Structure formats: structure tokens, C-alpha cells
């Protein structure tokens, strides 16, 4: 996985990580050792909206990457 974009807010570090082969993209949080994609905003000091403003989700999509929510319900 490669970091497409990253930034920090309220003492937490977030990123968009991507798989260049499959063109998959994931939102991640730094856990002190690695990027973790399985997390809940409920337990954080930061909201999903704040992270959406911080990271370049549109740029990742424009570059051809797709997030899990982009493919839900599509066959």
C-alpha cells in the first residue's frame, strides 16, 4: 500500500492509502506503528467530516482509485 494523501488533525494522523495494482483506496489512521483501516470515528476526537475536508478524496477518485463505498451495491 502507498500513501496517496495524509494529514493530521486534533493530534491524530489520517491518510488515504492506495493499492496501485487493484486501484483500491482506503481511509486510514496511524496507530503508532502502521496505517489501520478498521477504526471508528465514535472513539476519536475527530469527525469524519473534518477528515473529509483534510484529505483529497476527490483527487484519489480522479486518479482512478475507488473506495469500498464506491463499489457497494454495484455488480
N, C-alpha and C. Protein backbone atom coordinates (compact mmCIF):
# COMPACT_ATOMS: atom_id res chain seq x y z
N UNK A 1 0.84 -1.18 0.00
CA UNK A 1 0.00 0.00 0.00
C UNK A 1 0.88 1.24 0.00
N UNK A 2 0.38 2.24 -0.66
CA UNK A 2 1.09 3.51 -0.79
C UNK A 2 0.21 4.61 -0.22
N UNK A 3 0.81 5.61 0.41
CA UNK A 3 0.06 6.75 0.93
C UNK A 3 -0.19 7.72 -0.23
N UNK A 4 -1.46 7.99 -0.49
CA UNK A 4 -1.84 8.94 -1.54
C UNK A 4 -1.87 10.36 -0.97
N UNK A 5 -2.41 10.51 0.25
CA UNK A 5 -2.51 11.81 0.90
C UNK A 5 -2.56 11.57 2.39
N UNK A 6 -2.01 12.49 3.17
CA UNK A 6 -2.07 12.35 4.63
C UNK A 6 -2.09 13.71 5.28
N UNK A 7 -2.58 13.72 6.51
CA UNK A 7 -2.63 14.96 7.27
C UNK A 7 -3.01 14.67 8.71
N UNK A 8 -2.82 15.64 9.55
CA UNK A 8 -3.13 15.48 10.96
C UNK A 8 -4.16 16.48 11.44
N UNK A 9 -4.93 16.04 12.40
CA UNK A 9 -5.95 16.91 12.99
C UNK A 9 -6.23 16.41 14.41
N UNK A 10 -6.32 17.34 15.34
CA UNK A 10 -6.60 17.03 16.74
C UNK A 10 -5.67 15.94 17.30
N UNK A 11 -4.40 15.98 16.90
CA UNK A 11 -3.41 15.04 17.41
C UNK A 11 -3.48 13.65 16.79
N UNK A 12 -4.31 13.48 15.78
CA UNK A 12 -4.44 12.19 15.11
C UNK A 12 -3.97 12.33 13.67
N UNK A 13 -3.38 11.27 13.14
CA UNK A 13 -2.83 11.29 11.79
C UNK A 13 -3.68 10.38 10.89
N UNK A 14 -4.16 10.93 9.78
CA UNK A 14 -5.03 10.21 8.86
C UNK A 14 -4.39 10.18 7.47
N UNK A 15 -4.81 9.20 6.66
CA UNK A 15 -4.29 9.10 5.30
C UNK A 15 -5.30 8.40 4.40
N UNK A 16 -5.10 8.62 3.13
CA UNK A 16 -5.72 7.78 2.11
C UNK A 16 -4.60 6.88 1.64
N UNK A 17 -4.78 5.57 1.82
CA UNK A 17 -3.78 4.62 1.33
C UNK A 17 -4.37 3.90 0.13
N UNK A 18 -3.52 3.58 -0.83
CA UNK A 18 -4.00 3.00 -2.08
C UNK A 18 -3.18 1.78 -2.48
N UNK A 19 -3.84 0.89 -3.19
CA UNK A 19 -3.20 -0.25 -3.81
C UNK A 19 -3.12 0.07 -5.29
N UNK A 20 -1.92 0.30 -5.79
CA UNK A 20 -1.74 0.73 -7.18
C UNK A 20 -2.12 -0.36 -8.18
N UNK A 21 -2.06 -1.62 -7.78
CA UNK A 21 -2.40 -2.72 -8.69
C UNK A 21 -3.90 -2.86 -8.86
N UNK A 22 -4.63 -2.87 -7.74
CA UNK A 22 -6.08 -3.08 -7.79
C UNK A 22 -6.87 -1.79 -7.89
N UNK A 23 -6.18 -0.66 -7.71
CA UNK A 23 -6.80 0.67 -7.73
C UNK A 23 -7.79 0.86 -6.58
N UNK A 24 -7.60 0.12 -5.48
CA UNK A 24 -8.43 0.29 -4.30
C UNK A 24 -7.84 1.38 -3.41
N UNK A 25 -8.71 2.12 -2.73
CA UNK A 25 -8.30 3.17 -1.82
C UNK A 25 -9.01 2.99 -0.48
N UNK A 26 -8.33 3.35 0.59
CA UNK A 26 -8.89 3.20 1.93
C UNK A 26 -8.53 4.40 2.78
N UNK A 27 -9.43 4.77 3.65
CA UNK A 27 -9.17 5.79 4.66
C UNK A 27 -8.51 5.07 5.83
N UNK A 28 -7.46 5.67 6.38
CA UNK A 28 -6.72 5.00 7.44
C UNK A 28 -6.30 5.99 8.53
N UNK A 29 -6.02 5.43 9.70
CA UNK A 29 -5.50 6.20 10.82
C UNK A 29 -4.18 5.56 11.25
N UNK A 30 -3.24 6.39 11.66
CA UNK A 30 -1.95 5.90 12.12
C UNK A 30 -2.10 5.42 13.56
N UNK A 31 -1.72 4.17 13.82
CA UNK A 31 -1.86 3.62 15.18
C UNK A 31 -0.55 3.66 15.96
N UNK A 32 0.45 4.34 15.41
CA UNK A 32 1.74 4.44 16.07
C UNK A 32 2.78 3.53 15.45
N UNK A 33 2.31 2.53 14.69
CA UNK A 33 3.23 1.60 14.04
C UNK A 33 2.89 1.37 12.56
N UNK A 34 1.61 1.53 12.22
CA UNK A 34 1.17 1.23 10.86
C UNK A 34 -0.16 1.93 10.60
N UNK A 35 -0.57 1.96 9.33
CA UNK A 35 -1.87 2.51 8.97
C UNK A 35 -2.94 1.47 9.23
N UNK A 36 -3.99 1.87 9.92
CA UNK A 36 -5.10 0.97 10.26
C UNK A 36 -6.36 1.45 9.55
N UNK A 37 -7.03 0.54 8.85
CA UNK A 37 -8.24 0.92 8.11
C UNK A 37 -9.51 0.56 8.86
N UNK A 38 -9.40 -0.23 9.90
CA UNK A 38 -10.56 -0.65 10.68
C UNK A 38 -10.63 0.19 11.96
N UNK A 39 -11.32 1.32 11.88
CA UNK A 39 -11.44 2.20 13.04
C UNK A 39 -12.81 2.86 13.03
N UNK A 40 -13.17 3.45 14.16
CA UNK A 40 -14.47 4.10 14.30
C UNK A 40 -14.28 5.55 14.75
N UNK A 41 -14.94 6.45 14.08
CA UNK A 41 -14.87 7.86 14.49
C UNK A 41 -15.50 8.07 15.85
N UNK A 42 -16.38 7.19 16.27
CA UNK A 42 -17.06 7.32 17.55
C UNK A 42 -16.06 7.41 18.71
N UNK A 43 -14.91 6.75 18.57
CA UNK A 43 -13.91 6.71 19.65
C UNK A 43 -12.83 7.78 19.49
N UNK A 44 -12.93 8.62 18.46
CA UNK A 44 -11.88 9.60 18.18
C UNK A 44 -12.30 11.02 18.55
N UNK A 45 -11.31 11.91 18.58
CA UNK A 45 -11.56 13.33 18.85
C UNK A 45 -11.89 14.09 17.57
N UNK A 46 -11.90 13.39 16.45
CA UNK A 46 -12.07 13.98 15.13
C UNK A 46 -13.31 13.39 14.46
N UNK A 47 -13.99 14.17 13.64
CA UNK A 47 -15.16 13.67 12.94
C UNK A 47 -14.82 13.27 11.50
N UNK A 48 -15.67 12.47 10.91
CA UNK A 48 -15.49 12.06 9.51
C UNK A 48 -15.50 13.30 8.60
N UNK A 49 -16.33 14.27 8.92
CA UNK A 49 -16.40 15.49 8.13
C UNK A 49 -15.09 16.27 8.15
N UNK A 50 -14.46 16.34 9.31
CA UNK A 50 -13.17 17.04 9.41
C UNK A 50 -12.11 16.35 8.56
N UNK A 51 -12.11 15.03 8.58
CA UNK A 51 -11.13 14.27 7.79
C UNK A 51 -11.44 14.40 6.30
N UNK A 52 -12.72 14.44 5.96
CA UNK A 52 -13.11 14.61 4.56
C UNK A 52 -12.59 15.94 4.00
N UNK A 53 -12.57 16.96 4.84
CA UNK A 53 -12.05 18.27 4.42
C UNK A 53 -10.52 18.27 4.38
N UNK A 54 -9.89 17.43 5.19
CA UNK A 54 -8.44 17.38 5.31
C UNK A 54 -7.77 16.64 4.15
N UNK A 55 -8.36 15.52 3.75
CA UNK A 55 -7.74 14.65 2.75
C UNK A 55 -8.38 14.82 1.37
N UNK A 56 -7.63 14.49 0.34
CA UNK A 56 -8.07 14.68 -1.04
C UNK A 56 -8.77 13.44 -1.61
N UNK A 57 -9.99 13.19 -1.13
CA UNK A 57 -10.77 12.05 -1.60
C UNK A 57 -11.12 12.22 -3.08
N UNK A 58 -11.48 13.42 -3.49
CA UNK A 58 -11.82 13.67 -4.89
C UNK A 58 -10.61 13.44 -5.79
N UNK A 59 -9.46 13.85 -5.34
CA UNK A 59 -8.23 13.64 -6.11
C UNK A 59 -7.90 12.17 -6.28
N UNK A 60 -8.13 11.39 -5.23
CA UNK A 60 -7.89 9.94 -5.30
C UNK A 60 -8.83 9.31 -6.32
N UNK A 61 -10.10 9.72 -6.29
CA UNK A 61 -11.06 9.18 -7.26
C UNK A 61 -10.70 9.62 -8.68
N UNK A 62 -10.28 10.86 -8.82
CA UNK A 62 -9.89 11.37 -10.14
C UNK A 62 -8.68 10.61 -10.68
N UNK A 63 -7.81 10.15 -9.79
CA UNK A 63 -6.64 9.37 -10.18
C UNK A 63 -7.00 7.91 -10.50
N UNK A 64 -8.28 7.55 -10.35
CA UNK A 64 -8.73 6.21 -10.71
C UNK A 64 -8.88 5.25 -9.57
N UNK A 65 -8.67 5.71 -8.34
CA UNK A 65 -8.83 4.84 -7.17
C UNK A 65 -10.29 4.81 -6.74
N UNK A 66 -10.71 3.68 -6.19
CA UNK A 66 -12.08 3.51 -5.71
C UNK A 66 -12.08 3.06 -4.26
N UNK A 67 -12.91 3.72 -3.46
CA UNK A 67 -13.09 3.38 -2.06
C UNK A 67 -14.16 2.31 -1.93
N UNK A 68 -14.17 1.54 -0.84
CA UNK A 68 -15.18 0.49 -0.68
C UNK A 68 -16.61 1.01 -0.88
N UNK A 69 -16.91 2.19 -0.40
CA UNK A 69 -18.28 2.73 -0.54
C UNK A 69 -18.62 3.06 -1.99
N UNK A 70 -17.61 3.20 -2.84
CA UNK A 70 -17.85 3.48 -4.26
C UNK A 70 -18.38 2.27 -5.01
N UNK A 71 -18.05 1.09 -4.51
CA UNK A 71 -18.44 -0.13 -5.22
C UNK A 71 -19.55 -0.91 -4.54
N UNK A 72 -20.00 -0.46 -3.39
CA UNK A 72 -21.11 -1.14 -2.70
C UNK A 72 -22.36 -1.13 -3.56
N UNK A 73 -22.96 -2.28 -3.68
CA UNK A 73 -24.20 -2.37 -4.44
C UNK A 73 -24.04 -2.45 -5.94
N UNK A 74 -22.79 -2.37 -6.41
CA UNK A 74 -22.57 -2.49 -7.85
C UNK A 74 -22.16 -3.92 -8.17
N UNK A 75 -22.64 -4.43 -9.31
CA UNK A 75 -22.28 -5.80 -9.68
C UNK A 75 -21.30 -5.82 -10.82
